[in-house]
Amino acid sequence: MPNDVVELFVQRLDTSEMLRVKGREAWTLSCLLETGQSGIIPLERPAPRWSAYVHSLRKRGLVIDTIDEPHAGPYSGTHGRYILRTPLRVLKATSAGEKRRAA
């Protein structure tokens, strides 16, 4: 999937429910789908409000784990790795370029 996804239409494989996700939530879900079981940390795909996007997806019923991982350096501590656990099938992904061309 391209990194400029602005809309996703997906089907949950556990319940057959269809979901349409737009905007940054679609981009976030696309990143989670692309990385699979290895998950993603926000430093790998910077965006202003990862935790808010993940929260919105969780409110839609998707199971997304947050794994705390330690990191070193002058500001050592932990960061979260997000892993999508809900099995999904992408039915349609719309990129920003496709959306502009259709307008």
PDB file of N, CA and C in Angstrom:
ATOM      1  N   MET A   1       0.833  -1.183   0.000  1.00  0.00           N
ATOM      2  CA  MET A   1       0.000   0.000   0.000  1.00  0.00           C
ATOM      3  C   MET A   1       0.880   1.251   0.000  1.00  0.00           C
ATOM      4  N   PRO A   2       0.471   2.281  -0.719  1.00  0.00           N
ATOM      5  CA  PRO A   2       1.257   3.507  -0.715  1.00  0.00           C
ATOM      6  C   PRO A   2       1.193   4.198   0.655  1.00  0.00           C
ATOM      7  N   ASN A   3       2.213   5.018   0.943  1.00  0.00           N
ATOM      8  CA  ASN A   3       2.263   5.705   2.230  1.00  0.00           C
ATOM      9  C   ASN A   3       1.367   6.931   2.294  1.00  0.00           C
ATOM     10  N   ASP A   4       0.706   7.282   1.196  1.00  0.00           N
ATOM     11  CA  ASP A   4      -0.165   8.456   1.205  1.00  0.00           C
ATOM     12  C   ASP A   4      -1.651   8.061   1.193  1.00  0.00           C
ATOM     13  N   VAL A   5      -1.971   6.964   1.871  1.00  0.00           N
ATOM     14  CA  VAL A   5      -3.352   6.470   1.934  1.00  0.00           C
ATOM     15  C   VAL A   5      -4.218   7.482   2.693  1.00  0.00           C
ATOM     16  N   VAL A   6      -5.343   7.852   2.096  1.00  0.00           N
ATOM     17  CA  VAL A   6      -6.272   8.780   2.746  1.00  0.00           C
ATOM     18  C   VAL A   6      -7.632   8.140   3.025  1.00  0.00           C
ATOM     19  N   GLU A   7      -7.857   6.958   2.458  1.00  0.00           N
ATOM     20  CA  GLU A   7      -9.110   6.256   2.720  1.00  0.00           C
ATOM     21  C   GLU A   7      -8.898   4.755   2.554  1.00  0.00           C
ATOM     22  N   LEU A   8      -9.436   3.989   3.493  1.00  0.00           N
ATOM     23  CA  LEU A   8      -9.368   2.529   3.437  1.00  0.00           C
ATOM     24  C   LEU A   8     -10.754   1.953   3.655  1.00  0.00           C
ATOM     25  N   PHE A   9     -11.074   0.951   2.873  1.00  0.00           N
ATOM     26  CA  PHE A   9     -12.290   0.173   3.074  1.00  0.00           C
ATOM     27  C   PHE A   9     -11.806  -1.239   3.374  1.00  0.00           C
ATOM     28  N   VAL A  10     -12.089  -1.713   4.590  1.00  0.00           N
ATOM     29  CA  VAL A  10     -11.572  -3.008   5.042  1.00  0.00           C
ATOM     30  C   VAL A  10     -12.693  -3.875   5.583  1.00  0.00           C
ATOM     31  N   GLN A  11     -12.419  -5.169   5.610  1.00  0.00           N
ATOM     32  CA  GLN A  11     -13.343  -6.132   6.208  1.00  0.00           C
ATOM     33  C   GLN A  11     -12.619  -6.848   7.335  1.00  0.00           C
ATOM     34  N   ARG A  12     -13.270  -6.888   8.491  1.00  0.00           N
ATOM     35  CA  ARG A  12     -12.727  -7.664   9.607  1.00  0.00           C
ATOM     36  C   ARG A  12     -12.916  -9.139   9.287  1.00  0.00           C
ATOM     37  N   LEU A  13     -11.869  -9.913   9.412  1.00  0.00           N
ATOM     38  CA  LEU A  13     -11.967 -11.338   9.113  1.00  0.00           C
ATOM     39  C   LEU A  13     -12.563 -12.127  10.269  1.00  0.00           C
ATOM     40  N   ASP A  14     -12.573 -11.540  11.480  1.00  0.00           N
ATOM     41  CA  ASP A  14     -13.138 -12.240  12.633  1.00  0.00           C
ATOM     42  C   ASP A  14     -14.647 -12.059  12.748  1.00  0.00           C
ATOM     43  N   THR A  15     -15.193 -10.948  12.239  1.00  0.00           N
ATOM     44  CA  THR A  15     -16.632 -10.679  12.371  1.00  0.00           C
ATOM     45  C   THR A  15     -17.315 -10.403  11.040  1.00  0.00           C
ATOM     46  N   SER A  16     -16.569 -10.249   9.964  1.00  0.00           N
ATOM     47  CA  SER A  16     -17.051  -9.881   8.626  1.00  0.00           C
ATOM     48  C   SER A  16     -17.550  -8.437   8.548  1.00  0.00           C
ATOM     49  N   GLU A  17     -17.394  -7.664   9.613  1.00  0.00           N
ATOM     50  CA  GLU A  17     -17.806  -6.259   9.616  1.00  0.00           C
ATOM     51  C   GLU A  17     -16.968  -5.475   8.617  1.00  0.00           C
ATOM     52  N   MET A  18     -17.622  -4.540   7.916  1.00  0.00           N
ATOM     53  CA  MET A  18     -16.941  -3.661   6.967  1.00  0.00           C
ATOM     54  C   MET A  18     -16.699  -2.319   7.651  1.00  0.00           C
ATOM     55  N   LEU A  19     -15.520  -1.763   7.434  1.00  0.00           N
ATOM     56  CA  LEU A  19     -15.173  -0.470   8.014  1.00  0.00           C
ATOM     57  C   LEU A  19     -14.606   0.436   6.932  1.00  0.00           C
ATOM     58  N   ARG A  20     -15.045   1.688   6.938  1.00  0.00           N
ATOM     59  CA  ARG A  20     -14.461   2.705   6.068  1.00  0.00           C
ATOM     60  C   ARG A  20     -13.737   3.682   6.984  1.00  0.00           C
ATOM     61  N   VAL A  21     -12.447   3.865   6.741  1.00  0.00           N
ATOM     62  CA  VAL A  21     -11.605   4.715   7.579  1.00  0.00           C
ATOM     63  C   VAL A  21     -11.000   5.780   6.677  1.00  0.00           C
ATOM     64  N   LYS A  22     -11.016   7.034   7.153  1.00  0.00           N
ATOM     65  CA  LYS A  22     -10.527   8.144   6.329  1.00  0.00           C
ATOM     66  C   LYS A  22      -9.452   8.940   7.052  1.00  0.00           C
ATOM     67  N   GLY A  23      -8.733   9.732   6.279  1.00  0.00           N
ATOM     68  CA  GLY A  23      -7.769  10.676   6.827  1.00  0.00           C
ATOM     69  C   GLY A  23      -6.585  10.006   7.498  1.00  0.00           C
ATOM     70  N   ARG A  24      -6.140  10.637   8.588  1.00  0.00           N
ATOM     71  CA  ARG A  24      -4.976  10.130   9.315  1.00  0.00           C
ATOM     72  C   ARG A  24      -5.223   8.752   9.909  1.00  0.00           C
ATOM     73  N   GLU A  25      -6.468   8.452  10.254  1.00  0.00           N
ATOM     74  CA  GLU A  25      -6.763   7.107  10.766  1.00  0.00           C
ATOM     75  C   GLU A  25      -6.524   6.066   9.675  1.00  0.00           C
ATOM     76  N   ALA A  26      -6.869   6.407   8.420  1.00  0.00           N
ATOM     77  CA  ALA A  26      -6.610   5.494   7.305  1.00  0.00           C
ATOM     78  C   ALA A  26      -5.106   5.318   7.100  1.00  0.00           C
ATOM     79  N   TRP A  27      -4.367   6.410   7.162  1.00  0.00           N
ATOM     80  CA  TRP A  27      -2.914   6.349   7.018  1.00  0.00           C
ATOM     81  C   TRP A  27      -2.304   5.479   8.119  1.00  0.00           C
ATOM     82  N   THR A  28      -2.755   5.686   9.356  1.00  0.00           N
ATOM     83  CA  THR A  28      -2.253   4.916  10.491  1.00  0.00           C
ATOM     84  C   THR A  28      -2.552   3.432  10.314  1.00  0.00           C
ATOM     85  N   LEU A  29      -3.787   3.120   9.950  1.00  0.00           N
ATOM     86  CA  LEU A  29      -4.167   1.725   9.746  1.00  0.00           C
ATOM     87  C   LEU A  29      -3.354   1.103   8.611  1.00  0.00           C
ATOM     88  N   SER A  30      -3.110   1.867   7.564  1.00  0.00           N
ATOM     89  CA  SER A  30      -2.282   1.381   6.459  1.00  0.00           C
ATOM     90  C   SER A  30      -0.872   1.043   6.944  1.00  0.00           C
ATOM     91  N   CYS A  31      -0.302   1.904   7.780  1.00  0.00           N
ATOM     92  CA  CYS A  31       1.035   1.647   8.341  1.00  0.00           C
ATOM     93  C   CYS A  31       1.021   0.386   9.196  1.00  0.00           C
ATOM     94  N   LEU A  32      -0.009   0.228  10.018  1.00  0.00           N
ATOM     95  CA  LEU A  32      -0.112  -0.955  10.875  1.00  0.00           C
ATOM     96  C   LEU A  32      -0.259  -2.225  10.040  1.00  0.00           C
ATOM     97  N   LEU A  33      -1.045  -2.168   8.994  1.00  0.00           N
ATOM     98  CA  LEU A  33      -1.218  -3.330   8.112  1.00  0.00           C
ATOM     99  C   LEU A  33       0.094  -3.672   7.402  1.00  0.00           C
ATOM    100  N   GLU A  34       0.794  -2.653   6.965  1.00  0.00           N
ATOM    101  CA  GLU A  34       2.041  -2.856   6.230  1.00  0.00           C
ATOM    102  C   GLU A  34       3.116  -3.507   7.099  1.00  0.00           C
ATOM    103  N   THR A  35       3.181  -3.133   8.369  1.00  0.00           N
ATOM    104  CA  THR A  35       4.234  -3.656   9.241  1.00  0.00           C
ATOM    105  C   THR A  35       3.865  -4.993   9.878  1.00  0.00           C
ATOM    106  N   GLY A  36       2.589  -5.360   9.855  1.00  0.00           N
ATOM    107  CA  GLY A  36       2.173  -6.670  10.348  1.00  0.00           C
ATOM    108  C   GLY A  36       2.492  -6.902  11.805  1.00  0.00           C
ATOM    109  N   GLN A  37       2.915  -8.123  12.112  1.00  0.00           N
ATOM    110  CA  GLN A  37       3.152  -8.522  13.502  1.00  0.00           C
ATOM    111  C   GLN A  37       4.407  -7.900  14.111  1.00  0.00           C
ATOM    112  N   SER A  38       5.260  -7.295  13.302  1.00  0.00           N
ATOM    113  CA  SER A  38       6.428  -6.611  13.879  1.00  0.00           C
ATOM    114  C   SER A  38       6.033  -5.269  14.466  1.00  0.00           C
ATOM    115  N   GLY A  39       4.912  -4.723  14.017  1.00  0.00           N
ATOM    116  CA  GLY A  39       4.425  -3.467  14.565  1.00  0.00           C
ATOM    117  C   GLY A  39       5.246  -2.273  14.121  1.00  0.00           C
ATOM    118  N   ILE A  40       4.934  -1.141  14.723  1.00  0.00           N
ATOM    119  CA  ILE A  40       5.581   0.104  14.318  1.00  0.00           C
ATOM    120  C   ILE A  40       5.704   1.032  15.511  1.00  0.00           C
ATOM    121  N   ILE A  41       6.798   1.785  15.534  1.00  0.00           N
ATOM    122  CA  ILE A  41       6.936   2.848  16.525  1.00  0.00           C
ATOM    123  C   ILE A  41       6.800   4.174  15.771  1.00  0.00           C
ATOM    124  N   PRO A  42       6.232   5.179  16.388  1.00  0.00           N
ATOM    125  CA  PRO A  42       6.013   6.453  15.694  1.00  0.00           C
ATOM    126  C   PRO A  42       7.278   7.078  15.098  1.00  0.00           C
ATOM    127  N   LEU A  43       8.450   6.793  15.647  1.00  0.00           N
ATOM    128  CA  LEU A  43       9.684   7.338  15.074  1.00  0.00           C
ATOM    129  C   LEU A  43       9.939   6.808  13.666  1.00  0.00           C
ATOM    130  N   GLU A  44       9.395   5.635  13.350  1.00  0.00           N
ATOM    131  CA  GLU A  44       9.594   5.048  12.017  1.00  0.00           C
ATOM    132  C   GLU A  44       8.737   5.725  10.953  1.00  0.00           C
ATOM    133  N   ARG A  45       7.611   6.256  11.347  1.00  0.00           N
ATOM    134  CA  ARG A  45       6.700   6.971  10.445  1.00  0.00           C
ATOM    135  C   ARG A  45       6.170   8.197  11.191  1.00  0.00           C
ATOM    136  N   PRO A  46       6.947   9.250  11.270  1.00  0.00           N
ATOM    137  CA  PRO A  46       6.539  10.406  12.073  1.00  0.00           C
ATOM    138  C   PRO A  46       5.203  11.006  11.632  1.00  0.00           C
ATOM    139  N   ALA A  47       4.413  11.332  12.610  1.00  0.00           N
ATOM    140  CA  ALA A  47       3.134  12.005  12.422  1.00  0.00           C
ATOM    141  C   ALA A  47       2.821  12.704  13.744  1.00  0.00           C
ATOM    142  N   PRO A  48       2.059  13.769  13.710  1.00  0.00           N
ATOM    143  CA  PRO A  48       1.878  14.563  14.918  1.00  0.00           C
ATOM    144  C   PRO A  48       1.171  13.870  16.079  1.00  0.00           C
ATOM    145  N   ARG A  49       0.226  12.972  15.830  1.00  0.00           N
ATOM    146  CA  ARG A  49      -0.595  12.473  16.930  1.00  0.00           C
ATOM    147  C   ARG A  49      -0.887  10.983  16.827  1.00  0.00           C
ATOM    148  N   TRP A  50       0.139  10.171  16.753  1.00  0.00           N
ATOM    149  CA  TRP A  50      -0.035   8.723  16.623  1.00  0.00           C
ATOM    150  C   TRP A  50      -0.993   8.164  17.658  1.00  0.00           C
ATOM    151  N   SER A  51      -0.800   8.533  18.922  1.00  0.00           N
ATOM    152  CA  SER A  51      -1.630   7.955  19.982  1.00  0.00           C
ATOM    153  C   SER A  51      -3.106   8.294  19.776  1.00  0.00           C
ATOM    154  N   ALA A  52      -3.396   9.469  19.264  1.00  0.00           N
ATOM    155  CA  ALA A  52      -4.790   9.850  19.005  1.00  0.00           C
ATOM    156  C   ALA A  52      -5.383   9.024  17.862  1.00  0.00           C
ATOM    157  N   TYR A  53      -4.586   8.791  16.827  1.00  0.00           N
ATOM    158  CA  TYR A  53      -5.075   7.990  15.691  1.00  0.00           C
ATOM    159  C   TYR A  53      -5.338   6.551  16.127  1.00  0.00           C
ATOM    160  N   VAL A  54      -4.420   6.006  16.929  1.00  0.00           N
ATOM    161  CA  VAL A  54      -4.591   4.640  17.429  1.00  0.00           C
ATOM    162  C   VAL A  54      -5.828   4.577  18.332  1.00  0.00           C
ATOM    163  N   HIS A  55      -6.002   5.582  19.164  1.00  0.00           N
ATOM    164  CA  HIS A  55      -7.179   5.635  20.050  1.00  0.00           C
ATOM    165  C   HIS A  55      -8.475   5.621  19.227  1.00  0.00           C
ATOM    166  N   SER A  56      -8.523   6.399  18.165  1.00  0.00           N
ATOM    167  CA  SER A  56      -9.715   6.434  17.295  1.00  0.00           C
ATOM    168  C   SER A  56      -9.995   5.075  16.672  1.00  0.00           C
ATOM    169  N   LEU A  57      -8.939   4.394  16.232  1.00  0.00           N
ATOM    170  CA  LEU A  57      -9.116   3.063  15.643  1.00  0.00           C
ATOM    171  C   LEU A  57      -9.595   2.063  16.684  1.00  0.00           C
ATOM    172  N   ARG A  58      -9.092   2.177  17.901  1.00  0.00           N
ATOM    173  CA  ARG A  58      -9.566   1.304  18.983  1.00  0.00           C
ATOM    174  C   ARG A  58     -11.034   1.559  19.279  1.00  0.00           C
ATOM    175  N   LYS A  59     -11.457   2.801  19.224  1.00  0.00           N
ATOM    176  CA  LYS A  59     -12.874   3.123  19.454  1.00  0.00           C
ATOM    177  C   LYS A  59     -13.764   2.512  18.381  1.00  0.00           C
ATOM    178  N   ARG A  60     -13.202   2.255  17.208  1.00  0.00           N
ATOM    179  CA  ARG A  60     -13.943   1.596  16.113  1.00  0.00           C
ATOM    180  C   ARG A  60     -13.976   0.084  16.299  1.00  0.00           C
ATOM    181  N   GLY A  61     -13.318  -0.415  17.367  1.00  0.00           N
ATOM    182  CA  GLY A  61     -13.368  -1.833  17.675  1.00  0.00           C
ATOM    183  C   GLY A  61     -12.144  -2.629  17.285  1.00  0.00           C
ATOM    184  N   LEU A  62     -11.130  -1.976  16.721  1.00  0.00           N
ATOM    185  CA  LEU A  62      -9.927  -2.700  16.325  1.00  0.00           C
ATOM    186  C   LEU A  62      -9.026  -2.919  17.539  1.00  0.00           C
ATOM    187  N   VAL A  63      -8.436  -4.097  17.603  1.00  0.00           N
ATOM    188  CA  VAL A  63      -7.524  -4.418  18.695  1.00  0.00           C
ATOM    189  C   VAL A  63      -6.115  -4.046  18.251  1.00  0.00           C
ATOM    190  N   ILE A  64      -5.520  -3.091  18.973  1.00  0.00           N
ATOM    191  CA  ILE A  64      -4.164  -2.644  18.693  1.00  0.00           C
ATOM    192  C   ILE A  64      -3.417  -2.662  20.022  1.00  0.00           C
ATOM    193  N   ASP A  65      -2.399  -3.511  20.095  1.00  0.00           N
ATOM    194  CA  ASP A  65      -1.589  -3.595  21.312  1.00  0.00           C
ATOM    195  C   ASP A  65      -0.550  -2.488  21.322  1.00  0.00           C
ATOM    196  N   THR A  66      -0.200  -2.052  22.518  1.00  0.00           N
ATOM    197  CA  THR A  66       0.928  -1.155  22.710  1.00  0.00           C
ATOM    198  C   THR A  66       1.948  -1.900  23.571  1.00  0.00           C
ATOM    199  N   ILE A  67       3.119  -2.145  23.005  1.00  0.00           N
ATOM    200  CA  ILE A  67       4.198  -2.824  23.701  1.00  0.00           C
ATOM    201  C   ILE A  67       5.227  -1.762  24.100  1.00  0.00           C
ATOM    202  N   ASP A  68       5.510  -1.653  25.400  1.00  0.00           N
ATOM    203  CA  ASP A  68       6.530  -0.714  25.861  1.00  0.00           C
ATOM    204  C   ASP A  68       7.908  -1.307  25.630  1.00  0.00           C
ATOM    205  N   GLU A  69       8.763  -0.533  24.970  1.00  0.00           N
ATOM    206  CA  GLU A  69      10.134  -0.963  24.682  1.00  0.00           C
ATOM    207  C   GLU A  69      11.107   0.064  25.246  1.00  0.00           C
ATOM    208  N   PRO A  70      12.184  -0.405  25.856  1.00  0.00           N
ATOM    209  CA  PRO A  70      13.169   0.542  26.382  1.00  0.00           C
ATOM    210  C   PRO A  70      14.034   1.117  25.263  1.00  0.00           C
ATOM    211  N   HIS A  71      14.499   2.329  25.471  1.00  0.00           N
ATOM    212  CA  HIS A  71      15.502   2.906  24.579  1.00  0.00           C
ATOM    213  C   HIS A  71      16.531   3.657  25.415  1.00  0.00           C
ATOM    214  N   ALA A  72      17.746   3.709  24.870  1.00  0.00           N
ATOM    215  CA  ALA A  72      18.868   4.330  25.575  1.00  0.00           C
ATOM    216  C   ALA A  72      19.075   5.751  25.064  1.00  0.00           C
ATOM    217  N   GLY A  73      20.158   6.329  25.459  1.00  0.00           N
ATOM    218  CA  GLY A  73      20.494   7.668  25.000  1.00  0.00           C
ATOM    219  C   GLY A  73      20.338   8.678  26.119  1.00  0.00           C
ATOM    220  N   PRO A  74      20.557   9.946  25.800  1.00  0.00           N
ATOM    221  CA  PRO A  74      20.488  10.977  26.831  1.00  0.00           C
ATOM    222  C   PRO A  74      19.091  11.120  27.446  1.00  0.00           C
ATOM    223  N   TYR A  75      18.085  10.742  26.735  1.00  0.00           N
ATOM    224  CA  TYR A  75      16.704  10.784  27.237  1.00  0.00           C
ATOM    225  C   TYR A  75      16.129   9.382  27.266  1.00  0.00           C
ATOM    226  N   SER A  76      16.861   8.473  27.905  1.00  0.00           N
ATOM    227  CA  SER A  76      16.452   7.071  27.920  1.00  0.00           C
ATOM    228  C   SER A  76      15.101   6.912  28.610  1.00  0.00           C
ATOM    229  N   GLY A  77      14.433   5.870  28.253  1.00  0.00           N
ATOM    230  CA  GLY A  77      13.114   5.581  28.801  1.00  0.00           C
ATOM    231  C   GLY A  77      12.461   4.481  27.997  1.00  0.00           C
ATOM    232  N   THR A  78      11.182   4.636  27.715  1.00  0.00           N
ATOM    233  CA  THR A  78      10.471   3.653  26.901  1.00  0.00           C
ATOM    234  C   THR A  78       9.690   4.372  25.805  1.00  0.00           C
ATOM    235  N   HIS A  79       9.412   3.628  24.764  1.00  0.00           N
ATOM    236  CA  HIS A  79       8.516   4.099  23.708  1.00  0.00           C
ATOM    237  C   HIS A  79       7.525   2.973  23.417  1.00  0.00           C
ATOM    238  N   GLY A  80       6.421   3.308  22.797  1.00  0.00           N
ATOM    239  CA  GLY A  80       5.416   2.307  22.487  1.00  0.00           C
ATOM    240  C   GLY A  80       5.537   1.790  21.068  1.00  0.00           C
ATOM    241  N   ARG A  81       5.360   0.492  20.902  1.00  0.00           N
ATOM    242  CA  ARG A  81       5.272  -0.138  19.588  1.00  0.00           C
ATOM    243  C   ARG A  81       3.839  -0.587  19.414  1.00  0.00           C
ATOM    244  N   TYR A  82       3.194  -0.125  18.350  1.00  0.00           N
ATOM    245  CA  TYR A  82       1.804  -0.473  18.085  1.00  0.00           C
ATOM    246  C   TYR A  82       1.740  -1.675  17.152  1.00  0.00           C
ATOM    247  N   ILE A  83       0.902  -2.641  17.521  1.00  0.00           N
ATOM    248  CA  ILE A  83       0.732  -3.852  16.712  1.00  0.00           C
ATOM    249  C   ILE A  83      -0.764  -4.107  16.528  1.00  0.00           C
ATOM    250  N   LEU A  84      -1.192  -4.151  15.279  1.00  0.00           N
ATOM    251  CA  LEU A  84      -2.587  -4.452  14.960  1.00  0.00           C
ATOM    252  C   LEU A  84      -2.831  -5.939  15.162  1.00  0.00           C
ATOM    253  N   ARG A  85      -3.813  -6.285  15.969  1.00  0.00           N
ATOM    254  CA  ARG A  85      -4.130  -7.691  16.238  1.00  0.00           C
ATOM    255  C   ARG A  85      -5.416  -8.147  15.537  1.00  0.00           C
ATOM    256  N   THR A  86      -6.265  -7.216  15.138  1.00  0.00           N
ATOM    257  CA  THR A  86      -7.506  -7.580  14.452  1.00  0.00           C
ATOM    258  C   THR A  86      -7.190  -7.964  13.007  1.00  0.00           C
ATOM    259  N   PRO A  87      -7.580  -9.163  12.580  1.00  0.00           N
ATOM    260  CA  PRO A  87      -7.309  -9.557  11.197  1.00  0.00           C
ATOM    261  C   PRO A  87      -8.228  -8.799  10.234  1.00  0.00           C
ATOM    262  N   LEU A  88      -7.611  -8.191   9.220  1.00  0.00           N
ATOM    263  CA  LEU A  88      -8.356  -7.375   8.254  1.00  0.00           C
ATOM    264  C   LEU A  88      -8.002  -7.762   6.827  1.00  0.00           C
ATOM    265  N   ARG A  89      -8.954  -7.554   5.935  1.00  0.00           N
ATOM    266  CA  ARG A  89      -8.717  -7.675   4.495  1.00  0.00           C
ATOM    267  C   ARG A  89      -8.983  -6.300   3.890  1.00  0.00           C
ATOM    268  N   VAL A  90      -8.008  -5.779   3.167  1.00  0.00           N
ATOM    269  CA  VAL A  90      -8.188  -4.487   2.511  1.00  0.00           C
ATOM    270  C   VAL A  90      -8.985  -4.707   1.233  1.00  0.00           C
ATOM    271  N   LEU A  91     -10.133  -4.048   1.159  1.00  0.00           N
ATOM    272  CA  LEU A  91     -10.968  -4.145  -0.034  1.00  0.00           C
ATOM    273  C   LEU A  91     -10.661  -3.019  -1.016  1.00  0.00           C
ATOM    274  N   LYS A  92     -10.324  -1.837  -0.453  1.00  0.00           N
ATOM    275  CA  LYS A  92      -9.959  -0.712  -1.314  1.00  0.00           C
ATOM    276  C   LYS A  92      -9.119   0.265  -0.515  1.00  0.00           C
ATOM    277  N   ALA A  93      -8.029   0.710  -1.134  1.00  0.00           N
ATOM    278  CA  ALA A  93      -7.163   1.751  -0.562  1.00  0.00           C
ATOM    279  C   ALA A  93      -7.106   2.895  -1.557  1.00  0.00           C
ATOM    280  N   THR A  94      -7.359   4.096  -1.069  1.00  0.00           N
ATOM    281  CA  THR A  94      -7.329   5.281  -1.918  1.00  0.00           C
ATOM    282  C   THR A  94      -6.186   6.184  -1.481  1.00  0.00           C
ATOM    283  N   SER A  95      -5.318   6.533  -2.428  1.00  0.00           N
ATOM    284  CA  SER A  95      -4.191   7.415  -2.116  1.00  0.00           C
ATOM    285  C   SER A  95      -4.621   8.868  -2.301  1.00  0.00           C
ATOM    286  N   ALA A  96      -3.804   9.777  -1.797  1.00  0.00           N
ATOM    287  CA  ALA A  96      -4.093  11.199  -1.931  1.00  0.00           C
ATOM    288  C   ALA A  96      -4.138  11.593  -3.407  1.00  0.00           C
ATOM    289  N   GLY A  97      -3.218  11.056  -4.198  1.00  0.00           N
ATOM    290  CA  GLY A  97      -3.194  11.359  -5.629  1.00  0.00           C
ATOM    291  C   GLY A  97      -4.451  10.899  -6.350  1.00  0.00           C
ATOM    292  N   GLU A  98      -4.929   9.728  -6.030  1.00  0.00           N
ATOM    293  CA  GLU A  98      -6.171   9.234  -6.639  1.00  0.00           C
ATOM    294  C   GLU A  98      -7.362  10.106  -6.259  1.00  0.00           C
ATOM    295  N   LYS A  99      -7.380  10.545  -5.004  1.00  0.00           N
ATOM    296  CA  LYS A  99      -8.471  11.396  -4.521  1.00  0.00           C
ATOM    297  C   LYS A  99      -8.475  12.724  -5.268  1.00  0.00           C
ATOM    298  N   ARG A 100      -7.279  13.305  -5.492  1.00  0.00           N
ATOM    299  CA  ARG A 100      -7.190  14.579  -6.226  1.00  0.00           C
ATOM    300  C   ARG A 100      -7.643  14.417  -7.666  1.00  0.00           C
ATOM    301  N   ARG A 101      -7.232  13.327  -8.317  1.00  0.00           N
ATOM    302  CA  ARG A 101      -7.618  13.097  -9.705  1.00  0.00           C
ATOM    303  C   ARG A 101      -9.118  12.910  -9.866  1.00  0.00           C
ATOM    304  N   ALA A 102      -9.752  12.318  -8.867  1.00  0.00           N
ATOM    305  CA  ALA A 102     -11.188  12.060  -8.937  1.00  0.00           C
ATOM    306  C   ALA A 102     -12.011  13.328  -8.708  1.00  0.00           C
ATOM    307  N   ALA A 103     -11.398  14.317  -8.077  1.00  0.00           N
ATOM    308  CA  ALA A 103     -12.139  15.559  -7.749  1.00  0.00           C
ATOM    309  C   ALA A 103     -12.306  16.460  -8.947  1.00  0.00           C
TER     310      ALA A 103
END
